[in-house]
C-alpha atoms as a PDB file:
ATOM      1  CA  UNK A   1      11.580   5.523 -22.012  1.00  0.00           C
ATOM      2  CA  UNK A   2      11.281   1.776 -21.406  1.00  0.00           C
ATOM      3  CA  UNK A   3       9.967  -0.785 -23.875  1.00  0.00           C
ATOM      4  CA  UNK A   4       8.762  -4.304 -23.163  1.00  0.00           C
ATOM      5  CA  UNK A   5       7.001  -6.980 -25.185  1.00  0.00           C
ATOM      6  CA  UNK A   6       5.741 -10.555 -24.830  1.00  0.00           C
ATOM      7  CA  UNK A   7       4.374 -12.994 -27.383  1.00  0.00           C
ATOM      8  CA  UNK A   8       3.082 -16.457 -26.552  1.00  0.00           C
ATOM      9  CA  UNK A   9       1.024 -19.348 -27.836  1.00  0.00           C
ATOM     10  CA  UNK A  10       0.066 -22.866 -26.860  1.00  0.00           C
ATOM     11  CA  UNK A  11       1.479 -26.008 -28.430  1.00  0.00           C
ATOM     12  CA  UNK A  12      -0.689 -28.831 -27.135  1.00  0.00           C
ATOM     13  CA  UNK A  13      -0.299 -28.784 -23.339  1.00  0.00           C
ATOM     14  CA  UNK A  14       2.681 -26.425 -23.410  1.00  0.00           C
ATOM     15  CA  UNK A  15       2.563 -22.641 -23.177  1.00  0.00           C
ATOM     16  CA  UNK A  16       5.608 -21.030 -24.795  1.00  0.00           C
ATOM     17  CA  UNK A  17       6.493 -17.329 -24.582  1.00  0.00           C
ATOM     18  CA  UNK A  18       9.197 -14.974 -25.810  1.00  0.00           C
ATOM     19  CA  UNK A  19      10.091 -11.729 -24.038  1.00  0.00           C
ATOM     20  CA  UNK A  20      11.984  -8.557 -24.798  1.00  0.00           C
ATOM     21  CA  UNK A  21      12.866  -5.461 -22.768  1.00  0.00           C
ATOM     22  CA  UNK A  22      14.861  -2.294 -23.408  1.00  0.00           C
ATOM     23  CA  UNK A  23      15.401   0.113 -20.547  1.00  0.00           C
ATOM     24  CA  UNK A  24      17.499   0.153 -17.370  1.00  0.00           C
ATOM     25  CA  UNK A  25      18.591  -2.085 -14.507  1.00  0.00           C
ATOM     26  CA  UNK A  26      15.776  -1.996 -11.926  1.00  0.00           C
ATOM     27  CA  UNK A  27      18.141  -1.749  -8.966  1.00  0.00           C
ATOM     28  CA  UNK A  28      21.296   0.408  -8.801  1.00  0.00           C
ATOM     29  CA  UNK A  29      23.812  -1.511 -10.929  1.00  0.00           C
ATOM     30  CA  UNK A  30      26.318   1.280 -11.500  1.00  0.00           C
ATOM     31  CA  UNK A  31      28.297   3.967  -9.707  1.00  0.00           C
ATOM     32  CA  UNK A  32      29.261   7.465 -10.843  1.00  0.00           C
ATOM     33  CA  UNK A  33      32.747   8.171  -9.477  1.00  0.00           C
ATOM     34  CA  UNK A  34      32.521  11.928 -10.031  1.00  0.00           C
ATOM     35  CA  UNK A  35      29.260  12.446  -8.119  1.00  0.00           C
ATOM     36  CA  UNK A  36      29.512   9.470  -5.751  1.00  0.00           C
ATOM     37  CA  UNK A  37      25.951   8.452  -6.658  1.00  0.00           C
ATOM     38  CA  UNK A  38      24.521   5.054  -7.519  1.00  0.00           C
ATOM     39  CA  UNK A  39      23.200   4.835 -11.095  1.00  0.00           C
ATOM     40  CA  UNK A  40      20.821   2.717 -13.171  1.00  0.00           C
ATOM     41  CA  UNK A  41      22.760   1.734 -16.341  1.00  0.00           C
ATOM     42  CA  UNK A  42      21.048   0.902 -19.622  1.00  0.00           C
ATOM     43  CA  UNK A  43      19.856  -2.684 -20.061  1.00  0.00           C
ATOM     44  CA  UNK A  44      18.333  -4.899 -22.754  1.00  0.00           C
ATOM     45  CA  UNK A  45      16.857  -8.319 -22.004  1.00  0.00           C
ATOM     46  CA  UNK A  46      15.874 -11.167 -24.349  1.00  0.00           C
ATOM     47  CA  UNK A  47      14.371 -14.401 -23.107  1.00  0.00           C
ATOM     48  CA  UNK A  48      11.754 -17.107 -23.253  1.00  0.00           C
ATOM     49  CA  UNK A  49       9.776 -19.518 -21.110  1.00  0.00           C
ATOM     50  CA  UNK A  50       7.832 -22.774 -21.302  1.00  0.00           C
ATOM     51  CA  UNK A  51       5.239 -24.213 -18.922  1.00  0.00           C
ATOM     52  CA  UNK A  52       3.426 -27.560 -19.087  1.00  0.00           C
ATOM     53  CA  UNK A  53       1.886 -30.351 -16.960  1.00  0.00           C
ATOM     54  CA  UNK A  54       4.204 -33.156 -15.806  1.00  0.00           C
ATOM     55  CA  UNK A  55       3.826 -36.003 -13.280  1.00  0.00           C
ATOM     56  CA  UNK A  56       0.543 -34.650 -11.862  1.00  0.00           C
ATOM     57  CA  UNK A  57       2.153 -31.236 -11.407  1.00  0.00           C
ATOM     58  CA  UNK A  58       3.385 -28.238 -13.376  1.00  0.00           C
ATOM     59  CA  UNK A  59       6.950 -27.834 -14.659  1.00  0.00           C
ATOM     60  CA  UNK A  60       8.262 -24.504 -15.916  1.00  0.00           C
ATOM     61  CA  UNK A  61      11.546 -23.203 -17.273  1.00  0.00           C
ATOM     62  CA  UNK A  62      12.769 -19.721 -18.185  1.00  0.00           C
ATOM     63  CA  UNK A  63      15.953 -18.283 -19.616  1.00  0.00           C
ATOM     64  CA  UNK A  64      17.193 -14.856 -20.594  1.00  0.00           C
ATOM     65  CA  UNK A  65      20.196 -12.785 -21.597  1.00  0.00           C
ATOM     66  CA  UNK A  66      20.766  -9.487 -19.740  1.00  0.00           C
ATOM     67  CA  UNK A  67      22.792  -7.218 -22.031  1.00  0.00           C
ATOM     68  CA  UNK A  68      24.422  -4.410 -20.028  1.00  0.00           C
ATOM     69  CA  UNK A  69      24.642  -1.761 -22.744  1.00  0.00           C
ATOM     70  CA  UNK A  70      26.913   0.572 -20.741  1.00  0.00           C
ATOM     71  CA  UNK A  71      29.542  -2.154 -20.179  1.00  0.00           C
ATOM     72  CA  UNK A  72      29.438  -4.443 -23.213  1.00  0.00           C
ATOM     73  CA  UNK A  73      32.857  -6.073 -22.560  1.00  0.00           C
ATOM     74  CA  UNK A  74      32.782  -6.119 -18.766  1.00  0.00           C
ATOM     75  CA  UNK A  75      35.726  -3.710 -18.428  1.00  0.00           C
ATOM     76  CA  UNK A  76      33.994  -1.060 -16.288  1.00  0.00           C
ATOM     77  CA  UNK A  77      34.137  -2.148 -12.629  1.00  0.00           C
ATOM     78  CA  UNK A  78      31.456   0.431 -11.775  1.00  0.00           C
ATOM     79  CA  UNK A  79      28.786  -1.028 -14.093  1.00  0.00           C
ATOM     80  CA  UNK A  80      27.251  -4.476 -13.698  1.00  0.00           C
ATOM     81  CA  UNK A  81      28.345  -7.029 -16.304  1.00  0.00           C
ATOM     82  CA  UNK A  82      26.051  -8.721 -18.800  1.00  0.00           C
ATOM     83  CA  UNK A  83      24.521 -11.969 -17.532  1.00  0.00           C
ATOM     84  CA  UNK A  84      22.768 -15.111 -18.685  1.00  0.00           C
ATOM     85  CA  UNK A  85      20.024 -16.226 -16.312  1.00  0.00           C
ATOM     86  CA  UNK A  86      17.897 -19.350 -16.137  1.00  0.00           C
ATOM     87  CA  UNK A  87      15.575 -21.268 -13.858  1.00  0.00           C
ATOM     88  CA  UNK A  88      13.620 -24.501 -13.760  1.00  0.00           C
ATOM     89  CA  UNK A  89      10.896 -25.382 -11.299  1.00  0.00           C
ATOM     90  CA  UNK A  90       8.243 -27.958 -10.450  1.00  0.00           C
ATOM     91  CA  UNK A  91       5.056 -27.688  -8.367  1.00  0.00           C
ATOM     92  CA  UNK A  92       2.421 -30.233  -7.421  1.00  0.00           C
ATOM     93  CA  UNK A  93      -0.217 -30.931  -4.792  1.00  0.00           C
ATOM     94  CA  UNK A  94       1.374 -33.529  -2.519  1.00  0.00           C
ATOM     95  CA  UNK A  95      -1.885 -34.201  -0.647  1.00  0.00           C
ATOM     96  CA  UNK A  96      -5.237 -32.472  -0.471  1.00  0.00           C
ATOM     97  CA  UNK A  97      -4.703 -28.730   0.156  1.00  0.00           C
ATOM     98  CA  UNK A  98      -0.939 -29.184   0.581  1.00  0.00           C
ATOM     99  CA  UNK A  99       1.230 -27.872  -2.284  1.00  0.00           C
ATOM    100  CA  UNK A 100       5.005 -28.256  -2.687  1.00  0.00           C
ATOM    101  CA  UNK A 101       7.127 -26.301  -5.148  1.00  0.00           C
ATOM    102  CA  UNK A 102      10.887 -26.389  -5.800  1.00  0.00           C
ATOM    103  CA  UNK A 103      12.991 -24.233  -8.103  1.00  0.00           C
ATOM    104  CA  UNK A 104      16.617 -23.939  -9.222  1.00  0.00           C
ATOM    105  CA  UNK A 105      17.910 -20.568 -10.442  1.00  0.00           C
ATOM    106  CA  UNK A 106      21.332 -19.606 -11.839  1.00  0.00           C
ATOM    107  CA  UNK A 107      23.086 -16.400 -12.957  1.00  0.00           C
ATOM    108  CA  UNK A 108      26.169 -16.644 -15.177  1.00  0.00           C
ATOM    109  CA  UNK A 109      28.291 -13.493 -15.363  1.00  0.00           C
ATOM    110  CA  UNK A 110      29.827 -12.706 -18.740  1.00  0.00           C
ATOM    111  CA  UNK A 111      33.457 -11.459 -18.924  1.00  0.00           C
ATOM    112  CA  UNK A 112      34.180 -12.532 -15.340  1.00  0.00           C
ATOM    113  CA  UNK A 113      37.970 -12.339 -15.814  1.00  0.00           C
ATOM    114  CA  UNK A 114      37.700  -8.689 -16.928  1.00  0.00           C
ATOM    115  CA  UNK A 115      35.452  -8.030 -13.909  1.00  0.00           C
ATOM    116  CA  UNK A 116      38.057  -9.460 -11.516  1.00  0.00           C
ATOM    117  CA  UNK A 117      40.959  -7.635 -13.201  1.00  0.00           C
ATOM    118  CA  UNK A 118      39.332  -4.216 -12.807  1.00  0.00           C
ATOM    119  CA  UNK A 119      37.694  -4.729  -9.408  1.00  0.00           C
ATOM    120  CA  UNK A 120      38.743  -2.073  -6.834  1.00  0.00           C
ATOM    121  CA  UNK A 121      40.849  -3.449  -3.994  1.00  0.00           C
ATOM    122  CA  UNK A 122      38.798  -4.443  -0.959  1.00  0.00           C
ATOM    123  CA  UNK A 123      35.512  -4.830  -2.870  1.00  0.00           C
ATOM    124  CA  UNK A 124      33.282  -7.864  -2.425  1.00  0.00           C
ATOM    125  CA  UNK A 125      33.677 -10.388  -5.227  1.00  0.00           C
ATOM    126  CA  UNK A 126      30.707 -11.827  -7.121  1.00  0.00           C
ATOM    127  CA  UNK A 127      30.880 -15.436  -8.336  1.00  0.00           C
ATOM    128  CA  UNK A 128      30.985 -16.257 -12.028  1.00  0.00           C
ATOM    129  CA  UNK A 129      28.036 -18.601 -11.452  1.00  0.00           C
ATOM    130  CA  UNK A 130      25.541 -17.685  -8.740  1.00  0.00           C
ATOM    131  CA  UNK A 131      23.063 -20.424  -7.785  1.00  0.00           C
ATOM    132  CA  UNK A 132      19.853 -20.279  -5.782  1.00  0.00           C
ATOM    133  CA  UNK A 133      17.448 -23.012  -4.690  1.00  0.00           C
ATOM    134  CA  UNK A 134      13.947 -22.279  -3.418  1.00  0.00           C
ATOM    135  CA  UNK A 135      11.345 -24.380  -1.623  1.00  0.00           C
ATOM    136  CA  UNK A 136       7.692 -23.345  -1.259  1.00  0.00           C
ATOM    137  CA  UNK A 137       5.227 -25.124   1.036  1.00  0.00           C
ATOM    138  CA  UNK A 138       1.563 -24.131   1.287  1.00  0.00           C
ATOM    139  CA  UNK A 139      -1.195 -25.669   3.378  1.00  0.00           C
ATOM    140  CA  UNK A 140      -4.901 -24.749   3.398  1.00  0.00           C
ATOM    141  CA  UNK A 141      -7.256 -25.652   6.260  1.00  0.00           C
ATOM    142  CA  UNK A 142     -10.678 -24.864   7.707  1.00  0.00           C
ATOM    143  CA  UNK A 143     -12.415 -24.768   4.324  1.00  0.00           C
ATOM    144  CA  UNK A 144      -9.405 -22.849   2.962  1.00  0.00           C
ATOM    145  CA  UNK A 145     -10.003 -19.920   5.302  1.00  0.00           C
ATOM    146  CA  UNK A 146      -6.582 -20.597   6.877  1.00  0.00           C
ATOM    147  CA  UNK A 147      -3.534 -20.394   4.607  1.00  0.00           C
ATOM    148  CA  UNK A 148      -0.066 -21.241   5.929  1.00  0.00           C
ATOM    149  CA  UNK A 149       3.025 -21.046   3.756  1.00  0.00           C
ATOM    150  CA  UNK A 150       6.798 -21.166   3.998  1.00  0.00           C
ATOM    151  CA  UNK A 151       9.162 -19.882   1.305  1.00  0.00           C
ATOM    152  CA  UNK A 152      12.837 -20.830   1.685  1.00  0.00           C
ATOM    153  CA  UNK A 153      15.708 -19.293  -0.330  1.00  0.00           C
ATOM    154  CA  UNK A 154      19.187 -20.846  -0.122  1.00  0.00           C
ATOM    155  CA  UNK A 155      22.253 -19.985  -2.194  1.00  0.00           C
ATOM    156  CA  UNK A 156      25.099 -22.554  -2.039  1.00  0.00           C
ATOM    157  CA  UNK A 157      27.479 -20.185  -3.851  1.00  0.00           C
ATOM    158  CA  UNK A 158      26.766 -17.016  -1.831  1.00  0.00           C
ATOM    159  CA  UNK A 159      26.279 -19.000   1.396  1.00  0.00           C
ATOM    160  CA  UNK A 160      23.222 -16.957   2.289  1.00  0.00           C
ATOM    161  CA  UNK A 161      19.455 -17.252   2.194  1.00  0.00           C
ATOM    162  CA  UNK A 162      16.109 -16.232   3.601  1.00  0.00           C
ATOM    163  CA  UNK A 163      12.968 -17.668   5.201  1.00  0.00           C
ATOM    164  CA  UNK A 164       9.489 -16.209   4.676  1.00  0.00           C
ATOM    165  CA  UNK A 165       6.808 -17.870   6.841  1.00  0.00           C
ATOM    166  CA  UNK A 166       3.291 -16.426   6.477  1.00  0.00           C
ATOM    167  CA  UNK A 167      -0.141 -17.153   7.934  1.00  0.00           C
ATOM    168  CA  UNK A 168      -3.387 -15.728   6.558  1.00  0.00           C
ATOM    169  CA  UNK A 169      -6.790 -16.264   8.214  1.00  0.00           C
ATOM    170  CA  UNK A 170     -10.145 -15.068   6.880  1.00  0.00           C
ATOM    171  CA  UNK A 171     -11.985 -14.106  10.070  1.00  0.00           C
ATOM    172  CA  UNK A 172     -15.060 -13.185   8.000  1.00  0.00           C
ATOM    173  CA  UNK A 173     -15.715 -12.715   4.301  1.00  0.00           C
ATOM    174  CA  UNK A 174     -14.630  -9.086   4.695  1.00  0.00           C
ATOM    175  CA  UNK A 175     -11.893  -9.319   7.340  1.00  0.00           C
ATOM    176  CA  UNK A 176      -8.527 -11.048   6.991  1.00  0.00           C
ATOM    177  CA  UNK A 177      -5.646 -11.406   9.455  1.00  0.00           C
ATOM    178  CA  UNK A 178      -2.082 -11.684   8.108  1.00  0.00           C
ATOM    179  CA  UNK A 179       1.039 -12.691  10.071  1.00  0.00           C
ATOM    180  CA  UNK A 180       4.522 -13.176   8.697  1.00  0.00           C
ATOM    181  CA  UNK A 181       8.260 -12.719   8.960  1.00  0.00           C
ATOM    182  CA  UNK A 182      11.286 -12.117   6.748  1.00  0.00           C
ATOM    183  CA  UNK A 183      14.386 -13.838   8.128  1.00  0.00           C
ATOM    184  CA  UNK A 184      17.706 -13.204   6.372  1.00  0.00           C
ATOM    185  CA  UNK A 185      21.108 -14.784   6.927  1.00  0.00           C
ATOM    186  CA  UNK A 186      24.502 -14.715   5.229  1.00  0.00           C
ATOM    187  CA  UNK A 187      28.224 -15.062   5.825  1.00  0.00           C
ATOM    188  CA  UNK A 188      29.252 -12.026   3.726  1.00  0.00           C
ATOM    189  CA  UNK A 189      27.798  -8.479   3.917  1.00  0.00           C
ATOM    190  CA  UNK A 190      27.909  -7.940   0.123  1.00  0.00           C
ATOM    191  CA  UNK A 191      25.816 -10.936  -1.006  1.00  0.00           C
ATOM    192  CA  UNK A 192      22.148 -10.639  -2.047  1.00  0.00           C
ATOM    193  CA  UNK A 193      20.649 -11.839   1.248  1.00  0.00           C
ATOM    194  CA  UNK A 194      23.703 -11.280   3.450  1.00  0.00           C
ATOM    195  CA  UNK A 195      23.406  -7.500   3.069  1.00  0.00           C
ATOM    196  CA  UNK A 196      19.862  -7.721   4.489  1.00  0.00           C
ATOM    197  CA  UNK A 197      20.711  -9.787   7.573  1.00  0.00           C
ATOM    198  CA  UNK A 198      20.071  -6.874   9.956  1.00  0.00           C
ATOM    199  CA  UNK A 199      16.712  -6.208   8.276  1.00  0.00           C
ATOM    200  CA  UNK A 200      15.103  -9.387   9.642  1.00  0.00           C
ATOM    201  CA  UNK A 201      11.540  -8.483  10.661  1.00  0.00           C
ATOM    202  CA  UNK A 202       8.088  -9.732  11.607  1.00  0.00           C
ATOM    203  CA  UNK A 203       4.729  -8.150  10.859  1.00  0.00           C
ATOM    204  CA  UNK A 204       0.990  -8.380  11.519  1.00  0.00           C
ATOM    205  CA  UNK A 205      -1.893  -6.792   9.607  1.00  0.00           C
ATOM    206  CA  UNK A 206      -5.694  -6.801   9.522  1.00  0.00           C
ATOM    207  CA  UNK A 207      -7.413  -6.028   6.225  1.00  0.00           C
ATOM    208  CA  UNK A 208     -11.094  -5.051   6.133  1.00  0.00           C
ATOM    209  CA  UNK A 209     -13.219  -4.422   3.041  1.00  0.00           C
ATOM    210  CA  UNK A 210     -16.738  -3.024   2.595  1.00  0.00           C
END
């Protein structure tokens, strides 16, 4: 079973929330040496967020602690360590129908020395502090029937990133054309985006509704 909860309220112009989760890592974060299979270790998460208007835009911040219950002291090299995560972002309309958003995200690994001491020889090494910066640009035209956006991910610590350009055009009220691409790059094959470098792709779709 998995359990999750969220409570929130407004304080003036600010919306504040607290979160809790008890379950499992959502992506394989462990390895069973006897079977050779990837596993999903137990996980608990506690965190909070705040969102409010600022400088004609919206600022938001979030933080959370990821408690890896199957490796509480970081001494099992085959289970992901506990982490503290946080982000802060800002979004505003720069001009009419043109929106700009920036965000800074960080992951801090607990018990990093124990992680390094027990790491199998030849394995890729994760940084104690992983950082990621994102940029989002969105432009609307032709009475907002045309939507163009670009999402950029860049990690100065992992030296990798991704680009996600998309175009959406409402041909009619019931028909929409979507074009886009997912472009990945990275210097190391074990980093978050670097492992996906060969999965770079482009796509096109038409959606019709009656």
